Amino acid sequence: MRQTAAVIEQCARAAQRDDTAARALLAERCSRISASESSYVVRAAAIRALGTLGVIAEKPTILKALETESHRDQIRQAAIQALADLDTPDALPLVM
């Protein structure tokens, strides 16, 4: 599972330098992973990747993750990091 999480994070970093279409496609897949994966580690990696990719259209997925309970709050922490990476004006009040 940690290997899957690492692959997701590396893909997100690589896609940052790529075209918008590739970033949007990867963001959509990360969104699906965050909703369907049973592993908290993989779900958290997918959510962090959404922030890394900077695709604002996936912000609702990140906001939903803020409300998700998980072991050691992995999902919520990933959502906070993703919001920080998106750096939108409303991010701080949402986290508080």
Protein backbone atom coordinates (compact mmCIF):
# COMPACT_ATOMS: atom_id res chain seq x y z
CA MET A 1 0.00 0.00 0.00
CA ARG A 2 2.83 2.39 0.76
CA GLN A 3 4.23 1.67 -2.70
CA THR A 4 0.92 2.64 -4.27
CA ALA A 5 0.89 5.85 -2.24
CA ALA A 6 4.45 6.64 -3.35
CA VAL A 7 3.52 6.07 -7.00
CA ILE A 8 0.55 8.44 -6.69
CA GLU A 9 2.74 11.14 -5.12
CA GLN A 10 5.44 10.78 -7.78
CA CYS A 11 2.89 10.92 -10.60
CA ALA A 12 1.45 14.11 -9.14
CA ARG A 13 4.89 15.71 -8.98
CA ALA A 14 5.64 14.70 -12.57
CA ALA A 15 2.27 15.92 -13.81
CA GLN A 16 2.88 19.35 -12.30
CA ARG A 17 5.34 19.95 -15.10
CA ASP A 18 3.06 18.45 -17.72
CA ASP A 19 0.20 19.89 -19.71
CA THR A 20 -3.14 20.78 -18.20
CA ALA A 21 -4.95 17.81 -19.76
CA ALA A 22 -2.61 15.30 -18.11
CA ARG A 23 -2.99 17.04 -14.75
CA ALA A 24 -6.77 17.03 -15.07
CA LEU A 25 -6.80 13.33 -15.95
CA LEU A 26 -4.57 12.40 -13.04
CA ALA A 27 -6.62 14.60 -10.69
CA GLU A 28 -9.81 12.83 -11.77
CA ARG A 29 -8.22 9.43 -11.09
CA CYS A 30 -6.93 10.58 -7.70
CA SER A 31 -10.41 11.78 -6.87
CA ARG A 32 -11.81 8.32 -7.66
CA ILE A 33 -9.08 6.65 -5.62
CA SER A 34 -9.79 8.90 -2.65
CA ALA A 35 -13.44 7.85 -2.74
CA SER A 36 -13.03 4.12 -3.33
CA GLU A 37 -9.74 2.89 -1.89
CA SER A 38 -9.89 1.03 1.41
CA SER A 39 -6.33 1.95 2.49
CA TYR A 40 -6.12 5.21 4.41
CA VAL A 41 -2.50 5.61 3.30
CA VAL A 42 -3.43 5.41 -0.38
CA ARG A 43 -6.49 7.64 0.04
CA ALA A 44 -4.38 10.26 1.83
CA ALA A 45 -1.76 10.14 -0.92
CA ALA A 46 -4.46 10.66 -3.55
CA ILE A 47 -5.86 13.66 -1.67
CA ARG A 48 -2.41 15.21 -1.22
CA ALA A 49 -1.84 14.68 -4.94
CA LEU A 50 -4.96 16.72 -5.69
CA GLY A 51 -3.34 19.66 -3.93
CA THR A 52 -0.01 19.09 -5.63
CA LEU A 53 -1.69 19.04 -9.02
CA GLY A 54 -3.46 22.31 -8.30
CA VAL A 55 -6.68 21.38 -10.09
CA ILE A 56 -9.23 23.66 -8.42
CA ALA A 57 -12.11 21.65 -9.92
CA GLU A 58 -11.27 18.84 -7.48
CA LYS A 59 -11.61 21.08 -4.43
CA PRO A 60 -14.97 19.50 -3.43
CA THR A 61 -13.18 16.16 -3.07
CA ILE A 62 -10.63 17.76 -0.77
CA LEU A 63 -13.34 19.46 1.27
CA LYS A 64 -15.14 16.14 1.68
CA ALA A 65 -11.90 14.64 2.97
CA LEU A 66 -11.81 17.29 5.72
CA GLU A 67 -14.89 15.60 7.19
CA THR A 68 -13.56 12.03 6.86
CA GLU A 69 -12.56 10.09 9.95
CA SER A 70 -9.48 7.87 9.63
CA HIS A 71 -6.77 6.25 11.71
CA ARG A 72 -4.53 8.98 13.15
CA ASP A 73 -6.51 11.50 11.10
CA GLN A 74 -4.51 10.68 7.96
CA ILE A 75 -7.30 11.71 5.58
CA ARG A 76 -8.00 15.04 7.28
CA GLN A 77 -4.28 15.88 7.46
CA ALA A 78 -3.94 15.12 3.74
CA ALA A 79 -6.88 17.42 3.02
CA ILE A 80 -5.30 20.24 5.03
CA GLN A 81 -2.05 19.81 3.09
CA ALA A 82 -3.93 19.75 -0.21
CA LEU A 83 -5.78 22.96 0.66
CA ALA A 84 -2.48 24.59 1.60
CA ASP A 85 -1.05 23.56 -1.77
CA LEU A 86 -4.08 24.93 -3.62
CA ASP A 87 -3.52 28.22 -1.74
CA THR A 88 -7.03 29.61 -2.26
CA PRO A 89 -8.23 32.59 -0.20
CA ASP A 90 -10.90 30.56 1.58
CA ALA A 91 -8.59 27.70 2.64
CA LEU A 92 -7.67 28.95 6.12
CA PRO A 93 -11.25 29.48 7.36
CA LEU A 94 -12.18 26.05 6.03
CA VAL A 95 -9.40 24.37 7.97
CA MET A 96 -10.10 26.30 11.16
